[in-house]
Amino acid sequence: MIQVFRNVVGKHKDKFPDGREYLLDTDTKEPAKFESVEVLINLFKFNGHDIETKEDLIKWGLNLETVDE
């Protein structure tokens, strides 16, 4: 499973644990977990974003981390 976050700097950094703002699950308000990068990319595509690769996610300033289920 993977989670997505962006690094937060500046005056808002103290509002996020470890300076990371996680993409949240809209139902649980917990960090969203995805089965694969492909599943995440398809979610962005479904929502109309021009994301095709993991490198595109990185260009957007998004970071991926592996987590346990």
PDB file of N, CA and C in Angstrom:
ATOM      1  N   MET A   1       0.846  -1.169   0.000  1.00  0.00           N
ATOM      2  CA  MET A   1       0.000   0.000   0.000  1.00  0.00           C
ATOM      3  C   MET A   1       0.897   1.239   0.000  1.00  0.00           C
ATOM      4  N   ILE A   2       0.386   2.293  -0.603  1.00  0.00           N
ATOM      5  CA  ILE A   2       1.126   3.557  -0.605  1.00  0.00           C
ATOM      6  C   ILE A   2       0.230   4.690  -0.100  1.00  0.00           C
ATOM      7  N   GLN A   3       0.887   5.695   0.442  1.00  0.00           N
ATOM      8  CA  GLN A   3       0.224   6.930   0.835  1.00  0.00           C
ATOM      9  C   GLN A   3       0.893   8.069   0.088  1.00  0.00           C
ATOM     10  N   VAL A   4       0.155   9.166  -0.076  1.00  0.00           N
ATOM     11  CA  VAL A   4       0.649  10.319  -0.820  1.00  0.00           C
ATOM     12  C   VAL A   4       0.693  11.519   0.118  1.00  0.00           C
ATOM     13  N   PHE A   5       1.787  12.269   0.047  1.00  0.00           N
ATOM     14  CA  PHE A   5       1.889  13.488   0.836  1.00  0.00           C
ATOM     15  C   PHE A   5       2.683  14.529   0.087  1.00  0.00           C
ATOM     16  N   ARG A   6       2.559  15.761   0.542  1.00  0.00           N
ATOM     17  CA  ARG A   6       3.427  16.817   0.029  1.00  0.00           C
ATOM     18  C   ARG A   6       4.111  17.452   1.227  1.00  0.00           C
ATOM     19  N   ASN A   7       5.321  17.902   1.019  1.00  0.00           N
ATOM     20  CA  ASN A   7       6.064  18.568   2.074  1.00  0.00           C
ATOM     21  C   ASN A   7       5.540  19.984   2.236  1.00  0.00           C
ATOM     22  N   VAL A   8       5.310  20.372   3.471  1.00  0.00           N
ATOM     23  CA  VAL A   8       4.802  21.700   3.770  1.00  0.00           C
ATOM     24  C   VAL A   8       5.912  22.481   4.455  1.00  0.00           C
ATOM     25  N   VAL A   9       6.175  23.667   3.931  1.00  0.00           N
ATOM     26  CA  VAL A   9       7.200  24.532   4.514  1.00  0.00           C
ATOM     27  C   VAL A   9       6.578  25.890   4.825  1.00  0.00           C
ATOM     28  N   GLY A  10       7.304  26.701   5.521  1.00  0.00           N
ATOM     29  CA  GLY A  10       6.808  28.044   5.811  1.00  0.00           C
ATOM     30  C   GLY A  10       5.901  28.081   7.019  1.00  0.00           C
ATOM     31  N   LYS A  11       5.017  29.063   7.038  1.00  0.00           N
ATOM     32  CA  LYS A  11       4.214  29.326   8.221  1.00  0.00           C
ATOM     33  C   LYS A  11       3.207  28.223   8.547  1.00  0.00           C
ATOM     34  N   HIS A  12       2.871  27.351   7.602  1.00  0.00           N
ATOM     35  CA  HIS A  12       1.891  26.290   7.854  1.00  0.00           C
ATOM     36  C   HIS A  12       2.522  24.958   8.244  1.00  0.00           C
ATOM     37  N   LYS A  13       3.839  24.892   8.272  1.00  0.00           N
ATOM     38  CA  LYS A  13       4.520  23.624   8.541  1.00  0.00           C
ATOM     39  C   LYS A  13       4.131  23.025   9.885  1.00  0.00           C
ATOM     40  N   ASP A  14       3.939  23.864  10.906  1.00  0.00           N
ATOM     41  CA  ASP A  14       3.641  23.341  12.238  1.00  0.00           C
ATOM     42  C   ASP A  14       2.242  22.737  12.349  1.00  0.00           C
ATOM     43  N   LYS A  15       1.402  22.903  11.344  1.00  0.00           N
ATOM     44  CA  LYS A  15       0.046  22.339  11.358  1.00  0.00           C
ATOM     45  C   LYS A  15       0.017  20.880  10.900  1.00  0.00           C
ATOM     46  N   PHE A  16       1.136  20.389  10.378  1.00  0.00           N
ATOM     47  CA  PHE A  16       1.185  19.042   9.833  1.00  0.00           C
ATOM     48  C   PHE A  16       2.294  18.233  10.499  1.00  0.00           C
ATOM     49  N   PRO A  17       1.964  17.002  10.933  1.00  0.00           N
ATOM     50  CA  PRO A  17       2.989  16.152  11.542  1.00  0.00           C
ATOM     51  C   PRO A  17       4.170  15.946  10.596  1.00  0.00           C
ATOM     52  N   ASP A  18       5.346  16.158  11.096  1.00  0.00           N
ATOM     53  CA  ASP A  18       6.576  15.969  10.305  1.00  0.00           C
ATOM     54  C   ASP A  18       6.616  16.836   9.056  1.00  0.00           C
ATOM     55  N   GLY A  19       5.809  17.910   9.002  1.00  0.00           N
ATOM     56  CA  GLY A  19       5.808  18.787   7.841  1.00  0.00           C
ATOM     57  C   GLY A  19       5.219  18.150   6.599  1.00  0.00           C
ATOM     58  N   ARG A  20       4.369  17.140   6.793  1.00  0.00           N
ATOM     59  CA  ARG A  20       3.774  16.413   5.664  1.00  0.00           C
ATOM     60  C   ARG A  20       2.261  16.591   5.658  1.00  0.00           C
ATOM     61  N   GLU A  21       1.711  16.954   4.512  1.00  0.00           N
ATOM     62  CA  GLU A  21       0.263  17.034   4.331  1.00  0.00           C
ATOM     63  C   GLU A  21      -0.158  15.833   3.491  1.00  0.00           C
ATOM     64  N   TYR A  22      -0.903  14.926   4.100  1.00  0.00           N
ATOM     65  CA  TYR A  22      -1.312  13.700   3.422  1.00  0.00           C
ATOM     66  C   TYR A  22      -2.610  13.886   2.653  1.00  0.00           C
ATOM     67  N   LEU A  23      -2.732  13.173   1.547  1.00  0.00           N
ATOM     68  CA  LEU A  23      -3.990  13.085   0.821  1.00  0.00           C
ATOM     69  C   LEU A  23      -4.922  12.254   1.699  1.00  0.00           C
ATOM     70  N   LEU A  24      -6.083  12.813   2.053  1.00  0.00           N
ATOM     71  CA  LEU A  24      -6.972  12.154   3.000  1.00  0.00           C
ATOM     72  C   LEU A  24      -8.108  11.404   2.312  1.00  0.00           C
ATOM     73  N   ASP A  25      -8.512  10.321   2.940  1.00  0.00           N
ATOM     74  CA  ASP A  25      -9.701   9.586   2.539  1.00  0.00           C
ATOM     75  C   ASP A  25     -10.903  10.433   2.947  1.00  0.00           C
ATOM     76  N   THR A  26     -11.797  10.701   2.020  1.00  0.00           N
ATOM     77  CA  THR A  26     -12.931  11.595   2.312  1.00  0.00           C
ATOM     78  C   THR A  26     -13.918  10.992   3.309  1.00  0.00           C
ATOM     79  N   ASP A  27     -13.934   9.673   3.452  1.00  0.00           N
ATOM     80  CA  ASP A  27     -14.849   9.033   4.400  1.00  0.00           C
ATOM     81  C   ASP A  27     -14.285   8.998   5.814  1.00  0.00           C
ATOM     82  N   THR A  28     -13.013   8.642   5.951  1.00  0.00           N
ATOM     83  CA  THR A  28     -12.433   8.437   7.282  1.00  0.00           C
ATOM     84  C   THR A  28     -11.625   9.629   7.786  1.00  0.00           C
ATOM     85  N   LYS A  29     -11.259  10.531   6.879  1.00  0.00           N
ATOM     86  CA  LYS A  29     -10.387  11.673   7.200  1.00  0.00           C
ATOM     87  C   LYS A  29      -8.987  11.239   7.643  1.00  0.00           C
ATOM     88  N   GLU A  30      -8.647   9.994   7.397  1.00  0.00           N
ATOM     89  CA  GLU A  30      -7.311   9.453   7.636  1.00  0.00           C
ATOM     90  C   GLU A  30      -6.546   9.479   6.315  1.00  0.00           C
ATOM     91  N   PRO A  31      -5.199   9.397   6.372  1.00  0.00           N
ATOM     92  CA  PRO A  31      -4.442   9.339   5.115  1.00  0.00           C
ATOM     93  C   PRO A  31      -4.947   8.200   4.214  1.00  0.00           C
ATOM     94  N   ALA A  32      -5.214   8.538   2.960  1.00  0.00           N
ATOM     95  CA  ALA A  32      -5.706   7.552   1.995  1.00  0.00           C
ATOM     96  C   ALA A  32      -4.590   6.562   1.659  1.00  0.00           C
ATOM     97  N   LYS A  33      -4.967   5.313   1.483  1.00  0.00           N
ATOM     98  CA  LYS A  33      -4.018   4.266   1.090  1.00  0.00           C
ATOM     99  C   LYS A  33      -4.445   3.709  -0.259  1.00  0.00           C
ATOM    100  N   PHE A  34      -3.457   3.501  -1.109  1.00  0.00           N
ATOM    101  CA  PHE A  34      -3.703   3.004  -2.458  1.00  0.00           C
ATOM    102  C   PHE A  34      -2.935   1.709  -2.665  1.00  0.00           C
ATOM    103  N   GLU A  35      -3.528   0.791  -3.425  1.00  0.00           N
ATOM    104  CA  GLU A  35      -2.906  -0.506  -3.681  1.00  0.00           C
ATOM    105  C   GLU A  35      -1.651  -0.395  -4.527  1.00  0.00           C
ATOM    106  N   SER A  36      -1.612   0.614  -5.417  1.00  0.00           N
ATOM    107  CA  SER A  36      -0.461   0.755  -6.308  1.00  0.00           C
ATOM    108  C   SER A  36      -0.413   2.176  -6.864  1.00  0.00           C
ATOM    109  N   VAL A  37       0.705   2.498  -7.477  1.00  0.00           N
ATOM    110  CA  VAL A  37       0.850   3.796  -8.134  1.00  0.00           C
ATOM    111  C   VAL A  37      -0.147   3.896  -9.286  1.00  0.00           C
ATOM    112  N   GLU A  38      -0.384   2.790  -9.974  1.00  0.00           N
ATOM    113  CA  GLU A  38      -1.320   2.790 -11.093  1.00  0.00           C
ATOM    114  C   GLU A  38      -2.733   3.164 -10.636  1.00  0.00           C
ATOM    115  N   VAL A  39      -3.149   2.651  -9.488  1.00  0.00           N
ATOM    116  CA  VAL A  39      -4.468   2.978  -8.952  1.00  0.00           C
ATOM    117  C   VAL A  39      -4.541   4.471  -8.647  1.00  0.00           C
ATOM    118  N   LEU A  40      -3.494   5.015  -8.063  1.00  0.00           N
ATOM    119  CA  LEU A  40      -3.443   6.443  -7.746  1.00  0.00           C
ATOM    120  C   LEU A  40      -3.489   7.286  -9.026  1.00  0.00           C
ATOM    121  N   ILE A  41      -2.698   6.921 -10.014  1.00  0.00           N
ATOM    122  CA  ILE A  41      -2.677   7.659 -11.281  1.00  0.00           C
ATOM    123  C   ILE A  41      -4.054   7.629 -11.937  1.00  0.00           C
ATOM    124  N   ASN A  42      -4.700   6.476 -11.904  1.00  0.00           N
ATOM    125  CA  ASN A  42      -6.044   6.370 -12.493  1.00  0.00           C
ATOM    126  C   ASN A  42      -7.046   7.263 -11.767  1.00  0.00           C
ATOM    127  N   LEU A  43      -6.901   7.426 -10.463  1.00  0.00           N
ATOM    128  CA  LEU A  43      -7.774   8.329  -9.714  1.00  0.00           C
ATOM    129  C   LEU A  43      -7.590   9.766 -10.186  1.00  0.00           C
ATOM    130  N   PHE A  44      -6.337  10.186 -10.352  1.00  0.00           N
ATOM    131  CA  PHE A  44      -6.075  11.533 -10.854  1.00  0.00           C
ATOM    132  C   PHE A  44      -6.636  11.705 -12.266  1.00  0.00           C
ATOM    133  N   LYS A  45      -6.429  10.712 -13.123  1.00  0.00           N
ATOM    134  CA  LYS A  45      -6.956  10.772 -14.494  1.00  0.00           C
ATOM    135  C   LYS A  45      -8.480  10.890 -14.482  1.00  0.00           C
ATOM    136  N   PHE A  46      -9.134  10.083 -13.644  1.00  0.00           N
ATOM    137  CA  PHE A  46     -10.592  10.091 -13.539  1.00  0.00           C
ATOM    138  C   PHE A  46     -11.104  11.480 -13.158  1.00  0.00           C
ATOM    139  N   ASN A  47     -10.314  12.194 -12.356  1.00  0.00           N
ATOM    140  CA  ASN A  47     -10.703  13.531 -11.911  1.00  0.00           C
ATOM    141  C   ASN A  47     -10.210  14.632 -12.855  1.00  0.00           C
ATOM    142  N   GLY A  48      -9.754  14.236 -14.056  1.00  0.00           N
ATOM    143  CA  GLY A  48      -9.437  15.202 -15.094  1.00  0.00           C
ATOM    144  C   GLY A  48      -8.037  15.780 -15.072  1.00  0.00           C
ATOM    145  N   HIS A  49      -7.140  15.180 -14.303  1.00  0.00           N
ATOM    146  CA  HIS A  49      -5.767  15.682 -14.239  1.00  0.00           C
ATOM    147  C   HIS A  49      -4.893  14.972 -15.269  1.00  0.00           C
ATOM    148  N   ASP A  50      -3.931  15.698 -15.790  1.00  0.00           N
ATOM    149  CA  ASP A  50      -3.027  15.166 -16.817  1.00  0.00           C
ATOM    150  C   ASP A  50      -1.837  14.486 -16.147  1.00  0.00           C
ATOM    151  N   ILE A  51      -2.102  13.377 -15.498  1.00  0.00           N
ATOM    152  CA  ILE A  51      -1.070  12.597 -14.818  1.00  0.00           C
ATOM    153  C   ILE A  51      -0.960  11.259 -15.534  1.00  0.00           C
ATOM    154  N   GLU A  52       0.241  10.936 -15.993  1.00  0.00           N
ATOM    155  CA  GLU A  52       0.447   9.678 -16.717  1.00  0.00           C
ATOM    156  C   GLU A  52       1.452   8.751 -16.041  1.00  0.00           C
ATOM    157  N   THR A  53       2.392   9.329 -15.282  1.00  0.00           N
ATOM    158  CA  THR A  53       3.479   8.537 -14.717  1.00  0.00           C
ATOM    159  C   THR A  53       3.770   8.958 -13.277  1.00  0.00           C
ATOM    160  N   LYS A  54       4.567   8.144 -12.615  1.00  0.00           N
ATOM    161  CA  LYS A  54       5.023   8.476 -11.265  1.00  0.00           C
ATOM    162  C   LYS A  54       5.821   9.781 -11.292  1.00  0.00           C
ATOM    163  N   GLU A  55       6.560  10.005 -12.351  1.00  0.00           N
ATOM    164  CA  GLU A  55       7.335  11.234 -12.490  1.00  0.00           C
ATOM    165  C   GLU A  55       6.429  12.464 -12.543  1.00  0.00           C
ATOM    166  N   ASP A  56       5.243  12.325 -13.162  1.00  0.00           N
ATOM    167  CA  ASP A  56       4.271  13.424 -13.176  1.00  0.00           C
ATOM    168  C   ASP A  56       3.822  13.767 -11.758  1.00  0.00           C
ATOM    169  N   LEU A  57       3.623  12.750 -10.932  1.00  0.00           N
ATOM    170  CA  LEU A  57       3.247  12.992  -9.534  1.00  0.00           C
ATOM    171  C   LEU A  57       4.340  13.773  -8.811  1.00  0.00           C
ATOM    172  N   ILE A  58       5.578  13.394  -9.063  1.00  0.00           N
ATOM    173  CA  ILE A  58       6.716  14.066  -8.439  1.00  0.00           C
ATOM    174  C   ILE A  58       6.799  15.520  -8.904  1.00  0.00           C
ATOM    175  N   LYS A  59       6.551  15.752 -10.187  1.00  0.00           N
ATOM    176  CA  LYS A  59       6.552  17.127 -10.707  1.00  0.00           C
ATOM    177  C   LYS A  59       5.500  17.992 -10.023  1.00  0.00           C
ATOM    178  N   TRP A  60       4.408  17.387  -9.604  1.00  0.00           N
ATOM    179  CA  TRP A  60       3.348  18.094  -8.884  1.00  0.00           C
ATOM    180  C   TRP A  60       3.729  18.346  -7.424  1.00  0.00           C
ATOM    181  N   GLY A  61       4.886  17.820  -7.015  1.00  0.00           N
ATOM    182  CA  GLY A  61       5.316  17.994  -5.628  1.00  0.00           C
ATOM    183  C   GLY A  61       4.767  16.946  -4.687  1.00  0.00           C
ATOM    184  N   LEU A  62       4.268  15.846  -5.258  1.00  0.00           N
ATOM    185  CA  LEU A  62       3.724  14.771  -4.429  1.00  0.00           C
ATOM    186  C   LEU A  62       4.790  13.731  -4.154  1.00  0.00           C
ATOM    187  N   ASN A  63       4.734  13.176  -2.953  1.00  0.00           N
ATOM    188  CA  ASN A  63       5.670  12.149  -2.528  1.00  0.00           C
ATOM    189  C   ASN A  63       4.890  10.902  -2.186  1.00  0.00           C
ATOM    190  N   LEU A  64       5.496   9.747  -2.421  1.00  0.00           N
ATOM    191  CA  LEU A  64       4.853   8.462  -2.132  1.00  0.00           C
ATOM    192  C   LEU A  64       5.652   7.747  -1.062  1.00  0.00           C
ATOM    193  N   GLU A  65       4.934   7.067  -0.173  1.00  0.00           N
ATOM    194  CA  GLU A  65       5.609   6.239   0.818  1.00  0.00           C
ATOM    195  C   GLU A  65       4.859   4.915   0.942  1.00  0.00           C
ATOM    196  N   THR A  66       5.603   3.862   1.166  1.00  0.00           N
ATOM    197  CA  THR A  66       5.027   2.540   1.341  1.00  0.00           C
ATOM    198  C   THR A  66       4.629   2.373   2.799  1.00  0.00           C
ATOM    199  N   VAL A  67       3.427   1.842   3.009  1.00  0.00           N
ATOM    200  CA  VAL A  67       2.920   1.605   4.368  1.00  0.00           C
ATOM    201  C   VAL A  67       2.293   0.216   4.444  1.00  0.00           C
ATOM    202  N   ASP A  68       2.161  -0.288   5.653  1.00  0.00           N
ATOM    203  CA  ASP A  68       1.458  -1.552   5.865  1.00  0.00           C
ATOM    204  C   ASP A  68      -0.035  -1.331   5.719  1.00  0.00           C
ATOM    205  N   GLU A  69      -0.752  -2.407   5.405  1.00  0.00           N
ATOM    206  CA  GLU A  69      -2.208  -2.305   5.290  1.00  0.00           C
ATOM    207  C   GLU A  69      -2.739  -2.057   6.630  1.00  0.00           C
TER     208      GLU A  69
END
